[in-house]
Amino acid sequence: MPKGYWVSVYPAISDPEGLTAYNELAGLAVRAGGGRVLSNFGRVAAHEAGITERVVLIEFDSFEQAVAAYESEAYQKALVALPDGFERDFRIVEGID
């Protein structure tokens, strides 16, 4: 069964402290949903239209598990904690078996 991944790219982070509440709640939700953080705050080599700001990659045992974790009550509470005007490109993608 192919794994599922959350991929988040943050075009710009003007107030990193503003993400504290979200990060705490999201971390709990990800772990509860069976997710494993593979990349967070690491180095980025951007090419073409790439962005060198923060990229987060989280792995789940399946695509369905990744979707369920996003839709969970715990993660929805984390989303409410994102600061106003905050921008990111978030996707759930299916891996290759």
PDB file of N, CA and C in Angstrom:
ATOM      1  N   MET A   1       0.845  -1.176   0.000  1.00  0.00           N
ATOM      2  CA  MET A   1       0.000   0.000   0.000  1.00  0.00           C
ATOM      3  C   MET A   1       0.891   1.240   0.000  1.00  0.00           C
ATOM      4  N   PRO A   2       0.648   2.171  -0.906  1.00  0.00           N
ATOM      5  CA  PRO A   2       1.458   3.392  -0.960  1.00  0.00           C
ATOM      6  C   PRO A   2       1.286   4.248   0.291  1.00  0.00           C
ATOM      7  N   LYS A   3       2.354   4.872   0.687  1.00  0.00           N
ATOM      8  CA  LYS A   3       2.321   5.769   1.835  1.00  0.00           C
ATOM      9  C   LYS A   3       1.685   7.091   1.436  1.00  0.00           C
ATOM     10  N   GLY A   4       1.299   7.863   2.432  1.00  0.00           N
ATOM     11  CA  GLY A   4       0.760   9.191   2.210  1.00  0.00           C
ATOM     12  C   GLY A   4       1.682  10.216   2.839  1.00  0.00           C
ATOM     13  N   TYR A   5       1.728  11.398   2.257  1.00  0.00           N
ATOM     14  CA  TYR A   5       2.633  12.444   2.734  1.00  0.00           C
ATOM     15  C   TYR A   5       1.910  13.774   2.830  1.00  0.00           C
ATOM     16  N   TRP A   6       2.195  14.501   3.889  1.00  0.00           N
ATOM     17  CA  TRP A   6       1.823  15.907   3.965  1.00  0.00           C
ATOM     18  C   TRP A   6       3.043  16.680   3.520  1.00  0.00           C
ATOM     19  N   VAL A   7       2.859  17.594   2.608  1.00  0.00           N
ATOM     20  CA  VAL A   7       3.947  18.454   2.142  1.00  0.00           C
ATOM     21  C   VAL A   7       3.497  19.900   2.335  1.00  0.00           C
ATOM     22  N   SER A   8       4.241  20.631   3.143  1.00  0.00           N
ATOM     23  CA  SER A   8       3.920  22.040   3.409  1.00  0.00           C
ATOM     24  C   SER A   8       5.111  22.900   3.038  1.00  0.00           C
ATOM     25  N   VAL A   9       4.850  23.937   2.256  1.00  0.00           N
ATOM     26  CA  VAL A   9       5.879  24.911   1.909  1.00  0.00           C
ATOM     27  C   VAL A   9       5.378  26.270   2.380  1.00  0.00           C
ATOM     28  N   TYR A  10       6.218  26.944   3.112  1.00  0.00           N
ATOM     29  CA  TYR A  10       5.875  28.249   3.681  1.00  0.00           C
ATOM     30  C   TYR A  10       6.601  29.327   2.880  1.00  0.00           C
ATOM     31  N   PRO A  11       5.893  30.103   2.050  1.00  0.00           N
ATOM     32  CA  PRO A  11       6.550  31.117   1.221  1.00  0.00           C
ATOM     33  C   PRO A  11       7.346  32.135   2.023  1.00  0.00           C
ATOM     34  N   ALA A  12       6.855  32.486   3.191  1.00  0.00           N
ATOM     35  CA  ALA A  12       7.553  33.445   4.054  1.00  0.00           C
ATOM     36  C   ALA A  12       7.001  33.296   5.464  1.00  0.00           C
ATOM     37  N   ILE A  13       7.874  33.421   6.436  1.00  0.00           N
ATOM     38  CA  ILE A  13       7.441  33.371   7.826  1.00  0.00           C
ATOM     39  C   ILE A  13       7.922  34.654   8.485  1.00  0.00           C
ATOM     40  N   SER A  14       7.011  35.593   8.664  1.00  0.00           N
ATOM     41  CA  SER A  14       7.395  36.878   9.239  1.00  0.00           C
ATOM     42  C   SER A  14       7.363  36.864  10.761  1.00  0.00           C
ATOM     43  N   ASP A  15       6.596  35.947  11.353  1.00  0.00           N
ATOM     44  CA  ASP A  15       6.471  35.874  12.805  1.00  0.00           C
ATOM     45  C   ASP A  15       6.547  34.419  13.265  1.00  0.00           C
ATOM     46  N   PRO A  16       7.756  33.842  13.365  1.00  0.00           N
ATOM     47  CA  PRO A  16       7.885  32.440  13.759  1.00  0.00           C
ATOM     48  C   PRO A  16       7.254  32.137  15.120  1.00  0.00           C
ATOM     49  N   GLU A  17       7.290  33.097  16.044  1.00  0.00           N
ATOM     50  CA  GLU A  17       6.703  32.883  17.361  1.00  0.00           C
ATOM     51  C   GLU A  17       5.186  32.720  17.271  1.00  0.00           C
ATOM     52  N   GLY A  18       4.592  33.308  16.247  1.00  0.00           N
ATOM     53  CA  GLY A  18       3.158  33.193  16.045  1.00  0.00           C
ATOM     54  C   GLY A  18       2.715  31.779  15.712  1.00  0.00           C
ATOM     55  N   LEU A  19       3.663  30.932  15.341  1.00  0.00           N
ATOM     56  CA  LEU A  19       3.350  29.537  14.998  1.00  0.00           C
ATOM     57  C   LEU A  19       3.450  28.594  16.191  1.00  0.00           C
ATOM     58  N   THR A  20       3.839  29.085  17.348  1.00  0.00           N
ATOM     59  CA  THR A  20       4.082  28.217  18.507  1.00  0.00           C
ATOM     60  C   THR A  20       2.864  27.371  18.858  1.00  0.00           C
ATOM     61  N   ALA A  21       1.704  27.986  19.007  1.00  0.00           N
ATOM     62  CA  ALA A  21       0.499  27.239  19.379  1.00  0.00           C
ATOM     63  C   ALA A  21       0.145  26.220  18.301  1.00  0.00           C
ATOM     64  N   TYR A  22       0.214  26.643  17.041  1.00  0.00           N
ATOM     65  CA  TYR A  22      -0.072  25.704  15.941  1.00  0.00           C
ATOM     66  C   TYR A  22       0.894  24.526  15.970  1.00  0.00           C
ATOM     67  N   ASN A  23       2.185  24.800  16.106  1.00  0.00           N
ATOM     68  CA  ASN A  23       3.190  23.729  16.094  1.00  0.00           C
ATOM     69  C   ASN A  23       2.932  22.704  17.190  1.00  0.00           C
ATOM     70  N   GLU A  24       2.583  23.158  18.373  1.00  0.00           N
ATOM     71  CA  GLU A  24       2.313  22.234  19.477  1.00  0.00           C
ATOM     72  C   GLU A  24       1.083  21.376  19.191  1.00  0.00           C
ATOM     73  N   LEU A  25       0.000  22.010  18.780  1.00  0.00           N
ATOM     74  CA  LEU A  25      -1.230  21.271  18.494  1.00  0.00           C
ATOM     75  C   LEU A  25      -1.077  20.357  17.283  1.00  0.00           C
ATOM     76  N   ALA A  26      -0.415  20.846  16.246  1.00  0.00           N
ATOM     77  CA  ALA A  26      -0.217  20.038  15.040  1.00  0.00           C
ATOM     78  C   ALA A  26       0.658  18.826  15.341  1.00  0.00           C
ATOM     79  N   GLY A  27       1.693  19.019  16.136  1.00  0.00           N
ATOM     80  CA  GLY A  27       2.562  17.889  16.491  1.00  0.00           C
ATOM     81  C   GLY A  27       1.795  16.787  17.196  1.00  0.00           C
ATOM     82  N   LEU A  28       0.941  17.163  18.121  1.00  0.00           N
ATOM     83  CA  LEU A  28       0.107  16.172  18.817  1.00  0.00           C
ATOM     84  C   LEU A  28      -0.825  15.458  17.840  1.00  0.00           C
ATOM     85  N   ALA A  29      -1.440  16.218  16.947  1.00  0.00           N
ATOM     86  CA  ALA A  29      -2.371  15.634  15.980  1.00  0.00           C
ATOM     87  C   ALA A  29      -1.663  14.694  15.008  1.00  0.00           C
ATOM     88  N   VAL A  30      -0.482  15.088  14.557  1.00  0.00           N
ATOM     89  CA  VAL A  30       0.282  14.247  13.623  1.00  0.00           C
ATOM     90  C   VAL A  30       0.661  12.928  14.291  1.00  0.00           C
ATOM     91  N   ARG A  31       1.190  12.998  15.494  1.00  0.00           N
ATOM     92  CA  ARG A  31       1.573  11.766  16.201  1.00  0.00           C
ATOM     93  C   ARG A  31       0.358  10.881  16.475  1.00  0.00           C
ATOM     94  N   ALA A  32      -0.754  11.497  16.879  1.00  0.00           N
ATOM     95  CA  ALA A  32      -1.976  10.729  17.138  1.00  0.00           C
ATOM     96  C   ALA A  32      -2.494  10.064  15.864  1.00  0.00           C
ATOM     97  N   GLY A  33      -2.260  10.704  14.723  1.00  0.00           N
ATOM     98  CA  GLY A  33      -2.708  10.164  13.444  1.00  0.00           C
ATOM     99  C   GLY A  33      -1.725   9.195  12.810  1.00  0.00           C
ATOM    100  N   GLY A  34      -0.627   8.914  13.496  1.00  0.00           N
ATOM    101  CA  GLY A  34       0.355   7.956  12.984  1.00  0.00           C
ATOM    102  C   GLY A  34       1.404   8.554  12.076  1.00  0.00           C
ATOM    103  N   GLY A  35       1.516   9.879  12.045  1.00  0.00           N
ATOM    104  CA  GLY A  35       2.487  10.531  11.164  1.00  0.00           C
ATOM    105  C   GLY A  35       3.881  10.592  11.756  1.00  0.00           C
ATOM    106  N   ARG A  36       4.860  10.662  10.864  1.00  0.00           N
ATOM    107  CA  ARG A  36       6.274  10.773  11.232  1.00  0.00           C
ATOM    108  C   ARG A  36       6.872  11.950  10.466  1.00  0.00           C
ATOM    109  N   VAL A  37       7.445  12.881  11.194  1.00  0.00           N
ATOM    110  CA  VAL A  37       8.045  14.052  10.559  1.00  0.00           C
ATOM    111  C   VAL A  37       9.379  13.640   9.945  1.00  0.00           C
ATOM    112  N   LEU A  38       9.517  13.831   8.635  1.00  0.00           N
ATOM    113  CA  LEU A  38      10.747  13.487   7.921  1.00  0.00           C
ATOM    114  C   LEU A  38      11.635  14.700   7.702  1.00  0.00           C
ATOM    115  N   SER A  39      11.014  15.876   7.601  1.00  0.00           N
ATOM    116  CA  SER A  39      11.782  17.102   7.373  1.00  0.00           C
ATOM    117  C   SER A  39      11.034  18.269   7.987  1.00  0.00           C
ATOM    118  N   ASN A  40      11.799  19.115   8.688  1.00  0.00           N
ATOM    119  CA  ASN A  40      11.209  20.288   9.331  1.00  0.00           C
ATOM    120  C   ASN A  40      12.345  21.234   9.695  1.00  0.00           C
ATOM    121  N   PHE A  41      12.350  22.412   9.176  1.00  0.00           N
ATOM    122  CA  PHE A  41      13.380  23.417   9.447  1.00  0.00           C
ATOM    123  C   PHE A  41      14.747  23.034   8.880  1.00  0.00           C
ATOM    124  N   GLY A  42      14.812  22.036   8.002  1.00  0.00           N
ATOM    125  CA  GLY A  42      16.091  21.633   7.423  1.00  0.00           C
ATOM    126  C   GLY A  42      16.526  22.548   6.295  1.00  0.00           C
ATOM    127  N   ARG A  43      17.684  22.267   5.777  1.00  0.00           N
ATOM    128  CA  ARG A  43      18.212  23.057   4.660  1.00  0.00           C
ATOM    129  C   ARG A  43      17.403  22.789   3.404  1.00  0.00           C
ATOM    130  N   VAL A  44      17.294  23.810   2.555  1.00  0.00           N
ATOM    131  CA  VAL A  44      16.546  23.714   1.305  1.00  0.00           C
ATOM    132  C   VAL A  44      17.413  24.272   0.186  1.00  0.00           C
ATOM    133  N   ALA A  45      17.535  23.522  -0.890  1.00  0.00           N
ATOM    134  CA  ALA A  45      18.178  24.020  -2.107  1.00  0.00           C
ATOM    135  C   ALA A  45      17.049  24.192  -3.127  1.00  0.00           C
ATOM    136  N   ALA A  46      16.659  25.418  -3.366  1.00  0.00           N
ATOM    137  CA  ALA A  46      15.524  25.691  -4.256  1.00  0.00           C
ATOM    138  C   ALA A  46      16.015  25.921  -5.685  1.00  0.00           C
ATOM    139  N   HIS A  47      15.259  25.391  -6.633  1.00  0.00           N
ATOM    140  CA  HIS A  47      15.574  25.559  -8.049  1.00  0.00           C
ATOM    141  C   HIS A  47      14.311  25.999  -8.782  1.00  0.00           C
ATOM    142  N   GLU A  48      14.497  26.567  -9.942  1.00  0.00           N
ATOM    143  CA  GLU A  48      13.401  27.030 -10.796  1.00  0.00           C
ATOM    144  C   GLU A  48      12.518  27.988 -10.006  1.00  0.00           C
ATOM    145  N   ALA A  49      11.248  27.673  -9.779  1.00  0.00           N
ATOM    146  CA  ALA A  49      10.360  28.578  -9.042  1.00  0.00           C
ATOM    147  C   ALA A  49      10.316  28.223  -7.554  1.00  0.00           C
ATOM    148  N   GLY A  50      11.314  27.478  -7.080  1.00  0.00           N
ATOM    149  CA  GLY A  50      11.336  27.015  -5.699  1.00  0.00           C
ATOM    150  C   GLY A  50      11.495  28.123  -4.682  1.00  0.00           C
ATOM    151  N   ILE A  51      11.110  27.824  -3.469  1.00  0.00           N
ATOM    152  CA  ILE A  51      11.176  28.759  -2.357  1.00  0.00           C
ATOM    153  C   ILE A  51      12.086  28.158  -1.295  1.00  0.00           C
ATOM    154  N   THR A  52      13.009  28.942  -0.781  1.00  0.00           N
ATOM    155  CA  THR A  52      13.973  28.413   0.195  1.00  0.00           C
ATOM    156  C   THR A  52      13.488  28.511   1.636  1.00  0.00           C
ATOM    157  N   GLU A  53      12.288  28.960   1.853  1.00  0.00           N
ATOM    158  CA  GLU A  53      11.737  29.030   3.194  1.00  0.00           C
ATOM    159  C   GLU A  53      11.427  27.619   3.684  1.00  0.00           C
ATOM    160  N   ARG A  54      10.879  27.520   4.854  1.00  0.00           N
ATOM    161  CA  ARG A  54      10.597  26.257   5.531  1.00  0.00           C
ATOM    162  C   ARG A  54       9.774  25.288   4.683  1.00  0.00           C
ATOM    163  N   VAL A  55      10.202  24.022   4.671  1.00  0.00           N
ATOM    164  CA  VAL A  55       9.470  22.934   4.030  1.00  0.00           C
ATOM    165  C   VAL A  55       9.295  21.834   5.072  1.00  0.00           C
ATOM    166  N   VAL A  56       8.072  21.326   5.194  1.00  0.00           N
ATOM    167  CA  VAL A  56       7.781  20.261   6.153  1.00  0.00           C
ATOM    168  C   VAL A  56       7.278  19.054   5.364  1.00  0.00           C
ATOM    169  N   LEU A  57       7.838  17.881   5.679  1.00  0.00           N
ATOM    170  CA  LEU A  57       7.420  16.635   5.037  1.00  0.00           C
ATOM    171  C   LEU A  57       7.078  15.633   6.136  1.00  0.00           C
ATOM    172  N   ILE A  58       5.847  15.126   6.103  1.00  0.00           N
ATOM    173  CA  ILE A  58       5.372  14.178   7.112  1.00  0.00           C
ATOM    174  C   ILE A  58       4.865  12.939   6.392  1.00  0.00           C
ATOM    175  N   GLU A  59       5.283  11.770   6.876  1.00  0.00           N
ATOM    176  CA  GLU A  59       4.924  10.498   6.257  1.00  0.00           C
ATOM    177  C   GLU A  59       3.876   9.760   7.091  1.00  0.00           C
ATOM    178  N   PHE A  60       2.916   9.160   6.386  1.00  0.00           N
ATOM    179  CA  PHE A  60       1.903   8.306   7.002  1.00  0.00           C
ATOM    180  C   PHE A  60       1.950   6.947   6.312  1.00  0.00           C
ATOM    181  N   ASP A  61       1.429   5.930   6.959  1.00  0.00           N
ATOM    182  CA  ASP A  61       1.469   4.580   6.396  1.00  0.00           C
ATOM    183  C   ASP A  61       0.630   4.433   5.140  1.00  0.00           C
ATOM    184  N   SER A  62      -0.339   5.326   4.944  1.00  0.00           N
ATOM    185  CA  SER A  62      -1.168   5.280   3.733  1.00  0.00           C
ATOM    186  C   SER A  62      -1.702   6.672   3.422  1.00  0.00           C
ATOM    187  N   PHE A  63      -2.147   6.863   2.191  1.00  0.00           N
ATOM    188  CA  PHE A  63      -2.763   8.112   1.779  1.00  0.00           C
ATOM    189  C   PHE A  63      -4.019   8.371   2.612  1.00  0.00           C
ATOM    190  N   GLU A  64      -4.811   7.310   2.814  1.00  0.00           N
ATOM    191  CA  GLU A  64      -6.045   7.443   3.581  1.00  0.00           C
ATOM    192  C   GLU A  64      -5.765   7.887   5.018  1.00  0.00           C
ATOM    193  N   GLN A  65      -4.694   7.367   5.599  1.00  0.00           N
ATOM    194  CA  GLN A  65      -4.324   7.763   6.957  1.00  0.00           C
ATOM    195  C   GLN A  65      -3.914   9.238   6.987  1.00  0.00           C
ATOM    196  N   ALA A  66      -3.226   9.692   5.956  1.00  0.00           N
ATOM    197  CA  ALA A  66      -2.816  11.093   5.880  1.00  0.00           C
ATOM    198  C   ALA A  66      -4.034  12.017   5.780  1.00  0.00           C
ATOM    199  N   VAL A  67      -5.003  11.633   4.963  1.00  0.00           N
ATOM    200  CA  VAL A  67      -6.226  12.424   4.824  1.00  0.00           C
ATOM    201  C   VAL A  67      -7.004  12.426   6.134  1.00  0.00           C
ATOM    202  N   ALA A  68      -7.125  11.266   6.767  1.00  0.00           N
ATOM    203  CA  ALA A  68      -7.858  11.169   8.032  1.00  0.00           C
ATOM    204  C   ALA A  68      -7.200  12.020   9.116  1.00  0.00           C
ATOM    205  N   ALA A  69      -5.884  12.056   9.157  1.00  0.00           N
ATOM    206  CA  ALA A  69      -5.189  12.869  10.151  1.00  0.00           C
ATOM    207  C   ALA A  69      -5.473  14.350   9.918  1.00  0.00           C
ATOM    208  N   TYR A  70      -5.493  14.765   8.659  1.00  0.00           N
ATOM    209  CA  TYR A  70      -5.803  16.163   8.344  1.00  0.00           C
ATOM    210  C   TYR A  70      -7.228  16.507   8.766  1.00  0.00           C
ATOM    211  N   GLU A  71      -8.149  15.599   8.527  1.00  0.00           N
ATOM    212  CA  GLU A  71      -9.555  15.844   8.824  1.00  0.00           C
ATOM    213  C   GLU A  71      -9.903  15.622  10.298  1.00  0.00           C
ATOM    214  N   SER A  72      -8.961  15.136  11.087  1.00  0.00           N
ATOM    215  CA  SER A  72      -9.229  14.841  12.492  1.00  0.00           C
ATOM    216  C   SER A  72      -9.583  16.101  13.277  1.00  0.00           C
ATOM    217  N   GLU A  73     -10.316  15.910  14.342  1.00  0.00           N
ATOM    218  CA  GLU A  73     -10.683  17.027  15.217  1.00  0.00           C
ATOM    219  C   GLU A  73      -9.434  17.687  15.785  1.00  0.00           C
ATOM    220  N   ALA A  74      -8.443  16.884  16.138  1.00  0.00           N
ATOM    221  CA  ALA A  74      -7.209  17.428  16.722  1.00  0.00           C
ATOM    222  C   ALA A  74      -6.491  18.354  15.746  1.00  0.00           C
ATOM    223  N   TYR A  75      -6.390  17.958  14.468  1.00  0.00           N
ATOM    224  CA  TYR A  75      -5.686  18.815  13.517  1.00  0.00           C
ATOM    225  C   TYR A  75      -6.518  20.043  13.147  1.00  0.00           C
ATOM    226  N   GLN A  76      -7.819  19.895  13.115  1.00  0.00           N
ATOM    227  CA  GLN A  76      -8.668  21.050  12.830  1.00  0.00           C
ATOM    228  C   GLN A  76      -8.511  22.115  13.910  1.00  0.00           C
ATOM    229  N   LYS A  77      -8.301  21.696  15.159  1.00  0.00           N
ATOM    230  CA  LYS A  77      -8.026  22.648  16.244  1.00  0.00           C
ATOM    231  C   LYS A  77      -6.686  23.337  16.009  1.00  0.00           C
ATOM    232  N   ALA A  78      -5.714  22.600  15.489  1.00  0.00           N
ATOM    233  CA  ALA A  78      -4.405  23.197  15.193  1.00  0.00           C
ATOM    234  C   ALA A  78      -4.545  24.262  14.108  1.00  0.00           C
ATOM    235  N   LEU A  79      -5.333  23.990  13.087  1.00  0.00           N
ATOM    236  CA  LEU A  79      -5.512  24.957  11.999  1.00  0.00           C
ATOM    237  C   LEU A  79      -6.086  26.276  12.501  1.00  0.00           C
ATOM    238  N   VAL A  80      -6.959  26.210  13.480  1.00  0.00           N
ATOM    239  CA  VAL A  80      -7.550  27.424  14.045  1.00  0.00           C
ATOM    240  C   VAL A  80      -6.463  28.278  14.708  1.00  0.00           C
ATOM    241  N   ALA A  81      -5.394  27.635  15.165  1.00  0.00           N
ATOM    242  CA  ALA A  81      -4.313  28.356  15.851  1.00  0.00           C
ATOM    243  C   ALA A  81      -3.340  29.039  14.893  1.00  0.00           C
ATOM    244  N   LEU A  82      -3.467  28.807  13.584  1.00  0.00           N
ATOM    245  CA  LEU A  82      -2.595  29.511  12.647  1.00  0.00           C
ATOM    246  C   LEU A  82      -2.881  31.011  12.712  1.00  0.00           C
ATOM    247  N   PRO A  83      -1.847  31.828  12.698  1.00  0.00           N
ATOM    248  CA  PRO A  83      -2.064  33.277  12.771  1.00  0.00           C
ATOM    249  C   PRO A  83      -2.826  33.808  11.558  1.00  0.00           C
ATOM    250  N   ASP A  84      -3.555  34.894  11.756  1.00  0.00           N
ATOM    251  CA  ASP A  84      -4.256  35.557  10.647  1.00  0.00           C
ATOM    252  C   ASP A  84      -3.250  35.973   9.577  1.00  0.00           C
ATOM    253  N   GLY A  85      -3.644  35.815   8.333  1.00  0.00           N
ATOM    254  CA  GLY A  85      -2.793  36.228   7.229  1.00  0.00           C
ATOM    255  C   GLY A  85      -1.645  35.287   6.941  1.00  0.00           C
ATOM    256  N   PHE A  86      -1.591  34.176   7.630  1.00  0.00           N
ATOM    257  CA  PHE A  86      -0.507  33.217   7.430  1.00  0.00           C
ATOM    258  C   PHE A  86      -0.714  32.489   6.110  1.00  0.00           C
ATOM    259  N   GLU A  87       0.360  32.235   5.383  1.00  0.00           N
ATOM    260  CA  GLU A  87       0.272  31.618   4.059  1.00  0.00           C
ATOM    261  C   GLU A  87       1.178  30.397   3.979  1.00  0.00           C
ATOM    262  N   ARG A  88       0.660  29.331   3.381  1.00  0.00           N
ATOM    263  CA  ARG A  88       1.470  28.147   3.100  1.00  0.00           C
ATOM    264  C   ARG A  88       0.831  27.382   1.951  1.00  0.00           C
ATOM    265  N   ASP A  89       1.628  26.553   1.317  1.00  0.00           N
ATOM    266  CA  ASP A  89       1.159  25.663   0.264  1.00  0.00           C
ATOM    267  C   ASP A  89       1.160  24.273   0.883  1.00  0.00           C
ATOM    268  N   PHE A  90      -0.018  23.711   1.134  1.00  0.00           N
ATOM    269  CA  PHE A  90      -0.152  22.422   1.826  1.00  0.00           C
ATOM    270  C   PHE A  90      -0.809  21.421   0.884  1.00  0.00           C
ATOM    271  N   ARG A  91      -0.211  20.242   0.793  1.00  0.00           N
ATOM    272  CA  ARG A  91      -0.757  19.188  -0.053  1.00  0.00           C
ATOM    273  C   ARG A  91      -0.657  17.843   0.648  1.00  0.00           C
ATOM    274  N   ILE A  92      -1.581  16.959   0.320  1.00  0.00           N
ATOM    275  CA  ILE A  92      -1.481  15.570   0.740  1.00  0.00           C
ATOM    276  C   ILE A  92      -1.261  14.778  -0.546  1.00  0.00           C
ATOM    277  N   VAL A  93      -0.175  14.022  -0.587  1.00  0.00           N
ATOM    278  CA  VAL A  93       0.160  13.290  -1.811  1.00  0.00           C
ATOM    279  C   VAL A  93       0.335  11.803  -1.503  1.00  0.00           C
ATOM    280  N   GLU A  94       0.028  10.996  -2.501  1.00  0.00           N
ATOM    281  CA  GLU A  94       0.209   9.559  -2.389  1.00  0.00           C
ATOM    282  C   GLU A  94       1.590   9.185  -2.912  1.00  0.00           C
ATOM    283  N   GLY A  95       2.281   8.358  -2.149  1.00  0.00           N
ATOM    284  CA  GLY A  95       3.596   7.895  -2.572  1.00  0.00           C
ATOM    285  C   GLY A  95       3.494   6.762  -3.580  1.00  0.00           C
ATOM    286  N   ILE A  96       4.635   6.305  -3.993  1.00  0.00           N
ATOM    287  CA  ILE A  96       4.711   5.178  -4.925  1.00  0.00           C
ATOM    288  C   ILE A  96       4.936   3.924  -4.113  1.00  0.00           C
ATOM    289  N   ASP A  97       4.185   2.897  -4.422  1.00  0.00           N
ATOM    290  CA  ASP A  97       4.264   1.634  -3.677  1.00  0.00           C
ATOM    291  C   ASP A  97       5.646   1.037  -3.730  1.00  0.00           C
TER     292      ASP A  97
END
